[in-house]
Protein backbone atom coordinates (compact mmCIF):
# COMPACT_ATOMS: atom_id res chain seq x y z
CA MET A 1 -0.21 -0.04 -0.11
CA LYS A 2 1.18 3.44 -0.82
CA LYS A 3 2.06 5.25 1.69
CA ASP A 4 -0.01 8.96 2.12
CA THR A 5 2.57 11.91 2.29
CA ILE A 6 0.64 14.11 3.41
CA ASN A 7 -1.30 12.77 6.15
CA LYS A 8 1.18 12.09 9.10
CA ALA A 9 -1.04 10.38 11.51
CA THR A 10 -0.12 7.12 13.41
CA ASP A 11 -2.75 4.72 14.77
CA ASP A 12 -1.77 6.37 18.47
CA ALA A 13 -2.81 10.01 17.22
CA PRO A 14 -4.92 11.97 19.01
CA VAL A 15 -8.34 12.03 17.03
CA ILE A 16 -9.86 15.52 16.25
CA LEU A 17 -13.67 15.51 15.25
CA ILE A 18 -14.29 18.95 13.28
CA VAL A 19 -17.54 20.30 12.77
CA ASP A 20 -18.37 22.61 10.59
CA ASP A 21 -21.31 22.75 7.55
CA GLU A 22 -18.48 24.03 5.10
CA PRO A 23 -17.03 21.31 3.23
CA ASP A 24 -13.89 23.55 1.81
CA ILE A 25 -13.09 24.53 6.14
CA THR A 26 -13.66 20.54 7.06
CA THR A 27 -11.21 19.53 3.81
CA THR A 28 -8.58 21.94 4.91
CA TYR A 29 -8.78 21.17 8.37
CA ALA A 30 -8.67 17.97 7.74
CA MET A 31 -5.19 18.13 5.53
CA LEU A 32 -4.08 20.51 8.04
CA PHE A 33 -4.37 18.67 10.92
CA GLY A 34 -3.40 15.54 8.86
CA TYR A 35 -0.06 16.90 7.78
CA HIS A 36 0.70 17.89 11.52
CA GLY A 37 -0.01 14.37 12.64
CA PHE A 38 -3.48 13.98 13.60
CA ARG A 39 -5.88 11.43 13.16
CA VAL A 40 -9.23 13.45 11.92
CA SER A 41 -12.64 12.88 11.61
CA THR A 42 -15.52 15.37 9.91
CA ALA A 43 -18.97 15.86 10.40
CA ARG A 44 -21.19 18.67 8.89
CA ASP A 45 -23.37 19.95 11.53
CA GLY A 46 -24.29 18.94 15.38
CA GLU A 47 -26.76 16.24 14.61
CA SER A 48 -24.17 14.11 12.72
CA ALA A 49 -21.29 15.09 14.86
CA ILE A 50 -23.91 13.02 17.90
CA LYS A 51 -24.58 10.38 15.55
CA ILE A 52 -20.74 9.45 14.76
CA ILE A 53 -18.83 10.60 18.33
CA ASP A 54 -18.99 6.89 19.52
CA SER A 55 -17.43 5.57 16.95
CA VAL A 56 -14.92 8.20 16.86
CA ALA A 57 -14.03 8.93 20.16
CA PRO A 58 -12.42 12.22 19.57
CA ASP A 59 -9.68 13.52 21.78
CA LEU A 60 -10.99 17.21 20.65
CA ILE A 61 -14.13 18.54 18.81
CA LEU A 62 -13.66 21.69 16.80
CA SER A 63 -16.54 22.91 16.22
CA ASP A 64 -18.32 25.86 13.99
CA TYR A 65 -20.94 28.03 15.87
CA MET A 66 -23.52 28.56 12.83
CA MET A 67 -24.57 24.96 11.48
CA PRO A 68 -27.81 24.31 10.65
CA LEU A 69 -29.93 21.26 12.35
CA MET A 70 -27.86 21.43 16.02
CA ASN A 71 -24.72 24.85 16.54
CA GLY A 72 -22.09 24.31 17.84
CA ALA A 73 -23.64 25.07 20.90
CA GLU A 74 -25.98 23.10 21.33
CA LEU A 75 -23.52 20.82 20.58
CA CYS A 76 -21.06 21.70 23.09
CA ARG A 77 -23.72 22.06 25.59
CA ALA A 78 -24.78 18.53 24.63
CA LEU A 79 -21.57 16.95 24.85
CA LYS A 80 -20.42 19.00 28.12
CA ASN A 81 -23.91 17.12 30.02
CA ASP A 82 -22.76 13.55 28.83
CA PRO A 83 -20.13 11.72 31.18
CA ARG A 84 -18.44 10.44 28.56
CA TRP A 85 -17.15 13.73 26.51
CA LYS A 86 -17.65 16.09 29.31
CA ASP A 87 -13.71 16.31 29.62
CA THR A 88 -13.29 16.09 26.05
CA PRO A 89 -11.45 19.93 24.68
CA PHE A 90 -14.43 21.82 22.51
CA ILE A 91 -13.13 24.81 20.66
CA LEU A 92 -16.04 26.79 19.16
CA SER A 93 -15.19 29.29 16.33
CA SER A 94 -17.36 31.45 15.02
CA ALA A 95 -17.22 34.81 12.31
CA ALA A 96 -20.19 35.85 14.32
CA PHE A 97 -18.69 39.22 16.52
CA HIS A 98 -20.81 38.60 19.24
CA ILE A 99 -21.73 35.18 20.60
CA ASN A 100 -24.48 35.96 23.20
CA ASP A 101 -24.09 31.71 24.79
CA ILE A 102 -22.51 32.41 27.76
CA ASP A 103 -23.89 29.38 29.06
CA THR A 104 -21.95 27.31 26.43
CA PRO A 105 -18.98 25.01 28.52
CA TYR A 106 -16.74 25.44 25.98
CA ASP A 107 -12.72 25.46 26.72
CA LEU A 108 -11.53 28.22 24.02
CA LEU A 109 -13.32 30.76 21.06
CA MET A 110 -11.84 31.54 18.07
CA GLN A 111 -12.73 33.94 15.85
CA LYS A 112 -12.93 33.22 12.30
CA PRO A 113 -10.95 33.27 10.16
CA VAL A 114 -8.61 31.40 12.34
CA VAL A 115 -5.32 31.64 11.96
CA PHE A 116 -3.89 27.64 11.87
CA GLY A 117 -0.90 28.24 13.69
CA GLU A 118 -2.65 29.62 16.57
CA LEU A 119 -5.01 27.12 16.36
CA LEU A 120 -2.40 24.17 16.50
CA GLN A 121 -0.89 25.74 19.49
CA GLU A 122 -4.55 25.91 20.96
CA VAL A 123 -5.27 22.48 20.26
CA VAL A 124 -1.56 21.27 21.41
CA ARG A 125 -2.71 23.40 24.86
CA LEU A 126 -5.86 21.78 25.36
CA LEU A 127 -4.75 18.14 24.25
CA GLU A 128 -1.41 18.58 26.37
CA ARG A 129 -3.87 19.92 29.31
CA GLY A 130 -6.52 16.80 29.35
CA LYS A 131 -3.78 14.53 29.64
CA ALA A 132 -2.47 16.54 33.09
CA ARG A 133 -5.71 15.48 34.28
């Protein structure tokens, strides 16, 4: 089997679940995180993420805020209320200037457009923080 030169993830690499209704964003993030050694799964909205989360078993979730069916804040609240996923780091990203969802228990809020280098640093920081628990 030919080795994928873009995806450098190993079988024991952390898994990131990317949830966004923009296919260009999920494809780009999947490629970039794969290049940096992460395994990646994607979902197009919160409902889709809920359906696959048990099989994906992510180490971190990166979600857009504004999506159809179930937005990122609703997804975050649902997962943080589930004992299996309550400690999984959750990054919420949004192009909206003001998010009035102060009851959303996300670990980090990032304003779109996101600079990938900064996002990568935050992902590593949150994953390391999770290991220290």
